[in-house]
Amino acid sequence: MKFKPGTILSIFSFSISLFVLGFYLLILVHISKLMKIVNERTPFIIELKDSLSNYQIDVLKNELDLNPNIFDVEYISKKEGLKIMQKELGQNILQDSTVNPLKNIIKLKLKDAFVKEGKVKELTDTLLTRPEIDNCFYEKEAVSSLKKNLTTLNSIFLILGIIFTIISFILIYNNLRFILHADRFMIKSMELIGASPAFIKRPYVKLALSIGLYSGAIAIMFLLLLLLFFNIKFSIFQSFLDINITIVIMTGIFVFSLIVPPLFINFLVDKYLKLSDKHRYS
């Protein structure tokens, strides 16, 4: 069966709904993995007192190294810190006679489970009681903000996916009504010569399968292009993208696109065939 007016619009709208739902599922399954990476990449900074000796710094550093909830412990002197800052800014930010205002610091990272258990404040309070430590910093606001933004984004995509799915099925329904109305005399002729409902429904189910096939292929193509863009644009993307889960989601989206429209149209054609001639021709 050739595409009738409205079929292209049905394919377009169904493609959008599949794309949005696919993107929602990708965010949903990867959000915890992304948050783990963010939690473990956000540095915890300990500012040290200027009066500390190298021996005291080494003792503190070794003690932190032994903590099972801490990893990647690094000592950065104020001199090294100034060099790093000047390199990032691309200019000498201090005159030769100016006193270096930076602090000697120990930079470390925390295990994801430790952060999720809300023990960062407990660690901060414990460290601040030590006389050799001046202050502690952890960007928990940034981490919380990222998690909140991701959750909000995911909710938006879920709502959009539901809306576009409803719109696409309304368009498919209206498109089918138009086709059935145009074919009403042909359908009546087939019924008069004894054609079975399954035979009559066959071309319409094929049409639905075509809508699903094209919609699923388009949605997956754009999902792949989006993932490729993220992979090129963001270096962290490769760290949390699960290829196996992504393949499962895309396969599920494609199977959904092939199964649902034919079932939907099969139901609608069944309903149409049960109508009286009065309702069909009105």
C-alpha atoms as a PDB file:
ATOM      1  CA  MET A   1       0.000   0.000   0.000  1.00  0.00           C
ATOM      2  CA  LYS A   2       1.293   3.413  -0.942  1.00  0.00           C
ATOM      3  CA  PHE A   3       1.517   6.116   1.683  1.00  0.00           C
ATOM      4  CA  LYS A   4      -1.606   8.264   1.872  1.00  0.00           C
ATOM      5  CA  PRO A   5      -1.723  11.937   2.929  1.00  0.00           C
ATOM      6  CA  GLY A   6      -0.826  12.235   6.588  1.00  0.00           C
ATOM      7  CA  THR A   7       1.401   9.151   6.727  1.00  0.00           C
ATOM      8  CA  ILE A   8       4.607  11.196   6.499  1.00  0.00           C
ATOM      9  CA  LEU A   9       3.395  13.357   9.379  1.00  0.00           C
ATOM     10  CA  SER A  10       2.625  10.210  11.384  1.00  0.00           C
ATOM     11  CA  ILE A  11       6.144   8.908  10.765  1.00  0.00           C
ATOM     12  CA  PHE A  12       7.651  12.264  11.723  1.00  0.00           C
ATOM     13  CA  SER A  13       5.713  12.571  14.987  1.00  0.00           C
ATOM     14  CA  PHE A  14       6.269   8.927  15.959  1.00  0.00           C
ATOM     15  CA  SER A  15      10.000   9.321  15.246  1.00  0.00           C
ATOM     16  CA  ILE A  16      10.155  12.281  17.625  1.00  0.00           C
ATOM     17  CA  SER A  17       8.340  10.372  20.362  1.00  0.00           C
ATOM     18  CA  LEU A  18      10.685   7.377  19.978  1.00  0.00           C
ATOM     19  CA  PHE A  19      13.742   9.647  19.998  1.00  0.00           C
ATOM     20  CA  VAL A  20      12.628  11.499  23.138  1.00  0.00           C
ATOM     21  CA  LEU A  21      11.713   8.277  24.950  1.00  0.00           C
ATOM     22  CA  GLY A  22      15.024   6.715  23.924  1.00  0.00           C
ATOM     23  CA  PHE A  23      16.960   9.711  25.204  1.00  0.00           C
ATOM     24  CA  TYR A  24      14.966   9.603  28.456  1.00  0.00           C
ATOM     25  CA  LEU A  25      15.884   5.942  28.968  1.00  0.00           C
ATOM     26  CA  LEU A  26      19.556   6.628  28.187  1.00  0.00           C
ATOM     27  CA  ILE A  27      19.684   9.388  30.811  1.00  0.00           C
ATOM     28  CA  LEU A  28      17.771   7.246  33.300  1.00  0.00           C
ATOM     29  CA  VAL A  29      20.146   4.269  33.129  1.00  0.00           C
ATOM     30  CA  HIS A  30      23.313   6.382  33.013  1.00  0.00           C
ATOM     31  CA  ILE A  31      22.481   9.019  35.629  1.00  0.00           C
ATOM     32  CA  SER A  32      23.763   6.966  38.573  1.00  0.00           C
ATOM     33  CA  LYS A  33      26.979   6.140  36.730  1.00  0.00           C
ATOM     34  CA  LEU A  34      27.486   9.788  35.807  1.00  0.00           C
ATOM     35  CA  MET A  35      26.893  10.883  39.403  1.00  0.00           C
ATOM     36  CA  LYS A  36      29.461   8.327  40.582  1.00  0.00           C
ATOM     37  CA  ILE A  37      32.047   9.791  38.217  1.00  0.00           C
ATOM     38  CA  VAL A  38      31.214  13.354  39.304  1.00  0.00           C
ATOM     39  CA  ASN A  39      31.366  12.408  42.992  1.00  0.00           C
ATOM     40  CA  GLU A  40      34.744  10.741  42.581  1.00  0.00           C
ATOM     41  CA  ARG A  41      36.206  13.469  40.365  1.00  0.00           C
ATOM     42  CA  THR A  42      35.204  16.395  42.556  1.00  0.00           C
ATOM     43  CA  PRO A  43      38.328  17.236  44.606  1.00  0.00           C
ATOM     44  CA  PHE A  44      38.298  17.634  48.374  1.00  0.00           C
ATOM     45  CA  ILE A  45      40.759  20.397  49.294  1.00  0.00           C
ATOM     46  CA  ILE A  46      42.563  20.641  52.633  1.00  0.00           C
ATOM     47  CA  GLU A  47      44.362  23.924  53.369  1.00  0.00           C
ATOM     48  CA  LEU A  48      47.357  23.487  55.660  1.00  0.00           C
ATOM     49  CA  LYS A  49      48.871  25.823  58.229  1.00  0.00           C
ATOM     50  CA  ASP A  50      51.996  27.600  56.974  1.00  0.00           C
ATOM     51  CA  SER A  51      53.950  26.495  60.054  1.00  0.00           C
ATOM     52  CA  LEU A  52      53.830  22.783  59.173  1.00  0.00           C
ATOM     53  CA  SER A  53      57.095  20.980  58.525  1.00  0.00           C
ATOM     54  CA  ASN A  54      57.630  18.563  55.656  1.00  0.00           C
ATOM     55  CA  TYR A  55      57.564  15.693  58.140  1.00  0.00           C
ATOM     56  CA  GLN A  56      54.161  16.735  59.517  1.00  0.00           C
ATOM     57  CA  ILE A  57      52.797  17.074  55.983  1.00  0.00           C
ATOM     58  CA  ASP A  58      54.056  13.587  55.089  1.00  0.00           C
ATOM     59  CA  VAL A  59      52.504  12.099  58.216  1.00  0.00           C
ATOM     60  CA  LEU A  60      49.130  13.676  57.410  1.00  0.00           C
ATOM     61  CA  LYS A  61      49.332  12.635  53.765  1.00  0.00           C
ATOM     62  CA  ASN A  62      50.171   9.026  54.690  1.00  0.00           C
ATOM     63  CA  GLU A  63      47.312   8.964  57.179  1.00  0.00           C
ATOM     64  CA  LEU A  64      44.886  10.098  54.504  1.00  0.00           C
ATOM     65  CA  ASP A  65      46.281   7.503  52.091  1.00  0.00           C
ATOM     66  CA  LEU A  66      45.347   4.757  54.550  1.00  0.00           C
ATOM     67  CA  ASN A  67      41.704   5.857  54.712  1.00  0.00           C
ATOM     68  CA  PRO A  68      39.663   3.381  52.595  1.00  0.00           C
ATOM     69  CA  ASN A  69      37.200   6.130  51.627  1.00  0.00           C
ATOM     70  CA  ILE A  70      39.924   8.374  50.189  1.00  0.00           C
ATOM     71  CA  PHE A  71      42.065   7.991  47.074  1.00  0.00           C
ATOM     72  CA  ASP A  72      44.356   9.991  44.815  1.00  0.00           C
ATOM     73  CA  VAL A  73      45.933  12.028  47.639  1.00  0.00           C
ATOM     74  CA  GLU A  74      48.229  14.782  46.305  1.00  0.00           C
ATOM     75  CA  TYR A  75      50.217  17.477  48.103  1.00  0.00           C
ATOM     76  CA  ILE A  76      50.529  20.830  46.302  1.00  0.00           C
ATOM     77  CA  SER A  77      52.743  23.499  47.830  1.00  0.00           C
ATOM     78  CA  LYS A  78      51.812  27.154  47.574  1.00  0.00           C
ATOM     79  CA  LYS A  79      54.690  27.644  45.137  1.00  0.00           C
ATOM     80  CA  GLU A  80      53.440  24.856  42.864  1.00  0.00           C
ATOM     81  CA  GLY A  81      49.894  26.186  43.189  1.00  0.00           C
ATOM     82  CA  LEU A  82      51.015  29.628  42.035  1.00  0.00           C
ATOM     83  CA  LYS A  83      52.757  28.113  38.993  1.00  0.00           C
ATOM     84  CA  ILE A  84      49.617  26.170  38.096  1.00  0.00           C
ATOM     85  CA  MET A  85      47.467  29.295  38.417  1.00  0.00           C
ATOM     86  CA  GLN A  86      49.855  31.391  36.322  1.00  0.00           C
ATOM     87  CA  LYS A  87      49.934  28.684  33.656  1.00  0.00           C
ATOM     88  CA  GLU A  88      46.120  28.547  33.496  1.00  0.00           C
ATOM     89  CA  LEU A  89      45.793  32.345  33.380  1.00  0.00           C
ATOM     90  CA  GLY A  90      48.702  32.708  30.976  1.00  0.00           C
ATOM     91  CA  GLN A  91      50.306  35.575  32.864  1.00  0.00           C
ATOM     92  CA  ASN A  92      52.329  36.445  35.945  1.00  0.00           C
ATOM     93  CA  ILE A  93      49.710  37.408  38.525  1.00  0.00           C
ATOM     94  CA  LEU A  94      52.173  38.499  41.248  1.00  0.00           C
ATOM     95  CA  GLN A  95      55.058  40.924  41.315  1.00  0.00           C
ATOM     96  CA  ASP A  96      58.364  39.474  42.446  1.00  0.00           C
ATOM     97  CA  SER A  97      58.145  41.320  45.743  1.00  0.00           C
ATOM     98  CA  THR A  98      54.542  40.274  46.482  1.00  0.00           C
ATOM     99  CA  VAL A  99      53.948  37.613  49.121  1.00  0.00           C
ATOM    100  CA  ASN A 100      52.313  34.452  47.791  1.00  0.00           C
ATOM    101  CA  PRO A 101      48.746  34.478  49.220  1.00  0.00           C
ATOM    102  CA  LEU A 102      48.068  30.823  48.444  1.00  0.00           C
ATOM    103  CA  LYS A 103      48.073  27.988  50.956  1.00  0.00           C
ATOM    104  CA  ASN A 104      49.861  24.670  50.928  1.00  0.00           C
ATOM    105  CA  ILE A 105      47.131  22.164  50.193  1.00  0.00           C
ATOM    106  CA  ILE A 106      46.410  18.470  50.050  1.00  0.00           C
ATOM    107  CA  LYS A 107      44.023  17.564  47.249  1.00  0.00           C
ATOM    108  CA  LEU A 108      42.215  14.243  47.436  1.00  0.00           C
ATOM    109  CA  LYS A 109      39.175  12.459  46.086  1.00  0.00           C
ATOM    110  CA  LEU A 110      36.393  10.612  47.894  1.00  0.00           C
ATOM    111  CA  LYS A 111      34.776   7.278  47.095  1.00  0.00           C
ATOM    112  CA  ASP A 112      31.284   7.505  45.624  1.00  0.00           C
ATOM    113  CA  ALA A 113      29.660   5.427  48.388  1.00  0.00           C
ATOM    114  CA  PHE A 114      31.196   7.690  51.038  1.00  0.00           C
ATOM    115  CA  VAL A 115      29.749  10.798  49.361  1.00  0.00           C
ATOM    116  CA  LYS A 116      26.315   9.200  48.878  1.00  0.00           C
ATOM    117  CA  GLU A 117      26.174   8.266  52.552  1.00  0.00           C
ATOM    118  CA  GLY A 118      26.474  11.969  53.400  1.00  0.00           C
ATOM    119  CA  LYS A 119      29.688  11.596  55.352  1.00  0.00           C
ATOM    120  CA  VAL A 120      31.558  14.481  53.713  1.00  0.00           C
ATOM    121  CA  LYS A 121      30.511  16.928  56.440  1.00  0.00           C
ATOM    122  CA  GLU A 122      31.561  14.422  59.101  1.00  0.00           C
ATOM    123  CA  LEU A 123      34.999  14.154  57.489  1.00  0.00           C
ATOM    124  CA  THR A 124      35.246  17.953  57.206  1.00  0.00           C
ATOM    125  CA  ASP A 125      34.344  18.471  60.868  1.00  0.00           C
ATOM    126  CA  THR A 126      36.871  15.830  61.960  1.00  0.00           C
ATOM    127  CA  LEU A 127      39.691  17.344  59.901  1.00  0.00           C
ATOM    128  CA  LEU A 128      38.974  20.884  61.098  1.00  0.00           C
ATOM    129  CA  THR A 129      39.598  19.801  64.694  1.00  0.00           C
ATOM    130  CA  ARG A 130      43.214  19.051  63.820  1.00  0.00           C
ATOM    131  CA  PRO A 131      45.672  21.868  64.579  1.00  0.00           C
ATOM    132  CA  GLU A 132      47.673  21.400  61.359  1.00  0.00           C
ATOM    133  CA  ILE A 133      44.642  22.036  59.138  1.00  0.00           C
ATOM    134  CA  ASP A 134      43.414  25.542  58.393  1.00  0.00           C
ATOM    135  CA  ASN A 135      40.324  24.827  56.260  1.00  0.00           C
ATOM    136  CA  CYS A 136      38.551  22.242  54.041  1.00  0.00           C
ATOM    137  CA  PHE A 137      36.517  22.610  50.852  1.00  0.00           C
ATOM    138  CA  TYR A 138      34.300  20.276  48.867  1.00  0.00           C
ATOM    139  CA  GLU A 139      32.052  21.457  46.010  1.00  0.00           C
ATOM    140  CA  LYS A 140      28.950  19.630  47.266  1.00  0.00           C
ATOM    141  CA  GLU A 141      26.693  22.411  45.976  1.00  0.00           C
ATOM    142  CA  ALA A 142      27.972  21.860  42.442  1.00  0.00           C
ATOM    143  CA  VAL A 143      27.418  18.105  42.724  1.00  0.00           C
ATOM    144  CA  SER A 144      23.913  18.544  44.154  1.00  0.00           C
ATOM    145  CA  SER A 145      23.087  21.106  41.463  1.00  0.00           C
ATOM    146  CA  LEU A 146      24.217  18.744  38.708  1.00  0.00           C
ATOM    147  CA  LYS A 147      22.124  15.895  40.105  1.00  0.00           C
ATOM    148  CA  LYS A 148      19.081  18.167  40.407  1.00  0.00           C
ATOM    149  CA  ASN A 149      19.528  19.441  36.836  1.00  0.00           C
ATOM    150  CA  LEU A 150      19.863  15.910  35.448  1.00  0.00           C
ATOM    151  CA  THR A 151      16.754  14.757  37.314  1.00  0.00           C
ATOM    152  CA  THR A 152      14.797  17.777  36.051  1.00  0.00           C
ATOM    153  CA  LEU A 153      16.028  17.216  32.479  1.00  0.00           C
ATOM    154  CA  ASN A 154      15.014  13.569  32.660  1.00  0.00           C
ATOM    155  CA  SER A 155      11.530  14.475  33.916  1.00  0.00           C
ATOM    156  CA  ILE A 156      11.127  16.965  31.073  1.00  0.00           C
ATOM    157  CA  PHE A 157      12.092  14.337  28.497  1.00  0.00           C
ATOM    158  CA  LEU A 158       9.658  11.832  30.041  1.00  0.00           C
ATOM    159  CA  ILE A 159       6.794  14.349  29.818  1.00  0.00           C
ATOM    160  CA  LEU A 160       7.760  15.306  26.248  1.00  0.00           C
ATOM    161  CA  GLY A 161       7.985  11.644  25.291  1.00  0.00           C
ATOM    162  CA  ILE A 162       4.504  10.938  26.619  1.00  0.00           C
ATOM    163  CA  ILE A 163       3.079  14.034  24.893  1.00  0.00           C
ATOM    164  CA  PHE A 164       4.663  13.208  21.514  1.00  0.00           C
ATOM    165  CA  THR A 165       3.573   9.572  21.811  1.00  0.00           C
ATOM    166  CA  ILE A 166      -0.033  10.660  22.362  1.00  0.00           C
ATOM    167  CA  ILE A 167       0.215  13.124  19.456  1.00  0.00           C
ATOM    168  CA  SER A 168       1.707  10.502  17.152  1.00  0.00           C
ATOM    169  CA  PHE A 169      -1.047   7.980  17.910  1.00  0.00           C
ATOM    170  CA  ILE A 170      -3.697  10.656  17.368  1.00  0.00           C
ATOM    171  CA  LEU A 171      -2.126  11.420  13.981  1.00  0.00           C
ATOM    172  CA  ILE A 172      -1.912   7.711  13.103  1.00  0.00           C
ATOM    173  CA  TYR A 173      -5.558   7.293  14.118  1.00  0.00           C
ATOM    174  CA  ASN A 174      -6.717  10.276  12.043  1.00  0.00           C
ATOM    175  CA  ASN A 175      -4.592   9.174   9.092  1.00  0.00           C
ATOM    176  CA  LEU A 176      -6.099   5.690   9.246  1.00  0.00           C
ATOM    177  CA  ARG A 177      -9.638   7.096   9.450  1.00  0.00           C
ATOM    178  CA  PHE A 178      -8.937   9.096   6.294  1.00  0.00           C
ATOM    179  CA  ILE A 179      -7.568   6.024   4.496  1.00  0.00           C
ATOM    180  CA  LEU A 180     -10.449   3.790   5.583  1.00  0.00           C
ATOM    181  CA  HIS A 181     -12.968   6.393   4.516  1.00  0.00           C
ATOM    182  CA  ALA A 182     -11.294   6.665   1.101  1.00  0.00           C
ATOM    183  CA  ASP A 183     -11.249   2.848   0.784  1.00  0.00           C
ATOM    184  CA  ARG A 184     -14.770   2.286   2.128  1.00  0.00           C
ATOM    185  CA  PHE A 185     -16.222   1.125  -1.199  1.00  0.00           C
ATOM    186  CA  MET A 186     -13.303  -1.214  -1.878  1.00  0.00           C
ATOM    187  CA  ILE A 187     -13.637  -2.684   1.653  1.00  0.00           C
ATOM    188  CA  LYS A 188     -17.371  -3.193   1.127  1.00  0.00           C
ATOM    189  CA  SER A 189     -16.702  -4.950  -2.182  1.00  0.00           C
ATOM    190  CA  MET A 190     -14.198  -7.304  -0.534  1.00  0.00           C
ATOM    191  CA  GLU A 191     -16.721  -8.102   2.210  1.00  0.00           C
ATOM    192  CA  LEU A 192     -19.403  -8.878  -0.383  1.00  0.00           C
ATOM    193  CA  ILE A 193     -17.181 -11.420  -2.158  1.00  0.00           C
ATOM    194  CA  GLY A 194     -16.401 -13.086   1.176  1.00  0.00           C
ATOM    195  CA  ALA A 195     -12.936 -11.711   2.017  1.00  0.00           C
ATOM    196  CA  SER A 196     -11.935 -12.485   5.587  1.00  0.00           C
ATOM    197  CA  PRO A 197     -11.240  -9.665   8.082  1.00  0.00           C
ATOM    198  CA  ALA A 198      -7.596 -10.795   8.215  1.00  0.00           C
ATOM    199  CA  PHE A 199      -7.276 -10.377   4.444  1.00  0.00           C
ATOM    200  CA  ILE A 200      -8.903  -6.920   4.555  1.00  0.00           C
ATOM    201  CA  LYS A 201      -6.689  -5.797   7.424  1.00  0.00           C
ATOM    202  CA  ARG A 202      -3.468  -7.004   5.824  1.00  0.00           C
ATOM    203  CA  PRO A 203      -2.583  -3.867   3.762  1.00  0.00           C
ATOM    204  CA  TYR A 204      -3.361  -1.557   6.691  1.00  0.00           C
ATOM    205  CA  VAL A 205      -1.213  -3.585   9.077  1.00  0.00           C
ATOM    206  CA  LYS A 206       1.571  -3.453   6.476  1.00  0.00           C
ATOM    207  CA  LEU A 207       1.162   0.320   6.396  1.00  0.00           C
ATOM    208  CA  ALA A 208       1.480   0.416  10.184  1.00  0.00           C
ATOM    209  CA  LEU A 209       4.581  -1.769   9.991  1.00  0.00           C
ATOM    210  CA  SER A 210       6.083   0.655   7.474  1.00  0.00           C
ATOM    211  CA  ILE A 211       5.315   3.601   9.765  1.00  0.00           C
ATOM    212  CA  GLY A 212       6.974   1.784  12.658  1.00  0.00           C
ATOM    213  CA  LEU A 213       9.973   0.690  10.599  1.00  0.00           C
ATOM    214  CA  TYR A 214      10.735   4.159   9.242  1.00  0.00           C
ATOM    215  CA  SER A 215      10.028   5.849  12.582  1.00  0.00           C
ATOM    216  CA  GLY A 216      12.252   3.450  14.520  1.00  0.00           C
ATOM    217  CA  ALA A 217      15.092   3.749  12.016  1.00  0.00           C
ATOM    218  CA  ILE A 218      14.931   7.567  12.029  1.00  0.00           C
ATOM    219  CA  ALA A 219      14.802   7.740  15.852  1.00  0.00           C
ATOM    220  CA  ILE A 220      17.792   5.406  16.259  1.00  0.00           C
ATOM    221  CA  MET A 221      19.760   7.280  13.605  1.00  0.00           C
ATOM    222  CA  PHE A 222      19.302  10.573  15.453  1.00  0.00           C
ATOM    223  CA  LEU A 223      20.083   8.943  18.808  1.00  0.00           C
ATOM    224  CA  LEU A 224      23.352   7.615  17.344  1.00  0.00           C
ATOM    225  CA  LEU A 225      24.194  11.047  15.916  1.00  0.00           C
ATOM    226  CA  LEU A 226      23.516  12.620  19.316  1.00  0.00           C
ATOM    227  CA  LEU A 227      25.732  10.088  21.094  1.00  0.00           C
ATOM    228  CA  LEU A 228      28.465  10.659  18.501  1.00  0.00           C
ATOM    229  CA  PHE A 229      28.238  14.417  19.093  1.00  0.00           C
ATOM    230  CA  PHE A 230      28.527  13.971  22.875  1.00  0.00           C
ATOM    231  CA  ASN A 231      31.444  11.590  22.397  1.00  0.00           C
ATOM    232  CA  ILE A 232      33.334  14.176  20.330  1.00  0.00           C
ATOM    233  CA  LYS A 233      32.339  17.189  22.437  1.00  0.00           C
ATOM    234  CA  PHE A 234      32.811  15.829  25.972  1.00  0.00           C
ATOM    235  CA  SER A 235      35.835  13.753  26.971  1.00  0.00           C
ATOM    236  CA  ILE A 236      34.060  12.450  30.113  1.00  0.00           C
ATOM    237  CA  PHE A 237      31.298  10.926  27.962  1.00  0.00           C
ATOM    238  CA  GLN A 238      33.279   7.752  27.202  1.00  0.00           C
ATOM    239  CA  SER A 239      33.815   7.151  30.918  1.00  0.00           C
ATOM    240  CA  PHE A 240      30.175   6.514  31.755  1.00  0.00           C
ATOM    241  CA  LEU A 241      28.541   5.426  28.482  1.00  0.00           C
ATOM    242  CA  ASP A 242      27.570   1.754  28.755  1.00  0.00           C
ATOM    243  CA  ILE A 243      27.587   0.366  25.213  1.00  0.00           C
ATOM    244  CA  ASN A 244      25.695  -2.829  26.104  1.00  0.00           C
ATOM    245  CA  ILE A 245      22.861  -0.978  27.853  1.00  0.00           C
ATOM    246  CA  THR A 246      22.718   1.541  24.998  1.00  0.00           C
ATOM    247  CA  ILE A 247      22.354  -1.279  22.438  1.00  0.00           C
ATOM    248  CA  VAL A 248      19.595  -2.887  24.544  1.00  0.00           C
ATOM    249  CA  ILE A 249      17.685   0.424  24.753  1.00  0.00           C
ATOM    250  CA  MET A 250      17.974   1.099  21.023  1.00  0.00           C
ATOM    251  CA  THR A 251      16.911  -2.453  20.210  1.00  0.00           C
ATOM    252  CA  GLY A 252      13.946  -2.064  22.552  1.00  0.00           C
ATOM    253  CA  ILE A 253      12.966   1.239  20.901  1.00  0.00           C
ATOM    254  CA  PHE A 254      13.132  -0.379  17.453  1.00  0.00           C
ATOM    255  CA  VAL A 255      11.107  -3.447  18.532  1.00  0.00           C
ATOM    256  CA  PHE A 256       8.551  -1.124  20.157  1.00  0.00           C
ATOM    257  CA  SER A 257       8.260   0.833  16.896  1.00  0.00           C
ATOM    258  CA  LEU A 258       7.592  -2.386  14.938  1.00  0.00           C
ATOM    259  CA  ILE A 259       5.061  -3.907  17.347  1.00  0.00           C
ATOM    260  CA  VAL A 260       2.901  -1.065  18.654  1.00  0.00           C
ATOM    261  CA  PRO A 261       1.649   0.645  15.439  1.00  0.00           C
ATOM    262  CA  PRO A 262       0.494  -2.641  13.824  1.00  0.00           C
ATOM    263  CA  LEU A 263      -1.295  -3.651  17.029  1.00  0.00           C
ATOM    264  CA  PHE A 264      -2.897  -0.215  17.257  1.00  0.00           C
ATOM    265  CA  ILE A 265      -4.040  -0.198  13.639  1.00  0.00           C
ATOM    266  CA  ASN A 266      -5.198  -3.819  13.825  1.00  0.00           C
ATOM    267  CA  PHE A 267      -7.451  -2.817  16.721  1.00  0.00           C
ATOM    268  CA  LEU A 268      -8.779   0.245  14.871  1.00  0.00           C
ATOM    269  CA  VAL A 269      -9.503  -1.669  11.659  1.00  0.00           C
ATOM    270  CA  ASP A 270     -11.283  -4.372  13.672  1.00  0.00           C
ATOM    271  CA  LYS A 271     -13.384  -1.652  15.235  1.00  0.00           C
ATOM    272  CA  TYR A 272     -14.101  -0.120  11.805  1.00  0.00           C
ATOM    273  CA  LEU A 273     -15.163  -3.441  10.272  1.00  0.00           C
ATOM    274  CA  LYS A 274     -17.694  -3.941  13.047  1.00  0.00           C
ATOM    275  CA  LEU A 275     -19.384  -0.629  12.229  1.00  0.00           C
ATOM    276  CA  SER A 276     -22.651  -0.643  10.342  1.00  0.00           C
ATOM    277  CA  ASP A 277     -22.798   0.733   6.795  1.00  0.00           C
ATOM    278  CA  LYS A 278     -24.668   3.738   8.154  1.00  0.00           C
ATOM    279  CA  HIS A 279     -21.721   4.745  10.329  1.00  0.00           C
ATOM    280  CA  ARG A 280     -19.106   3.917   7.701  1.00  0.00           C
ATOM    281  CA  TYR A 281     -20.687   6.116   5.040  1.00  0.00           C
ATOM    282  CA  SER A 282     -21.706   8.984   7.305  1.00  0.00           C
END
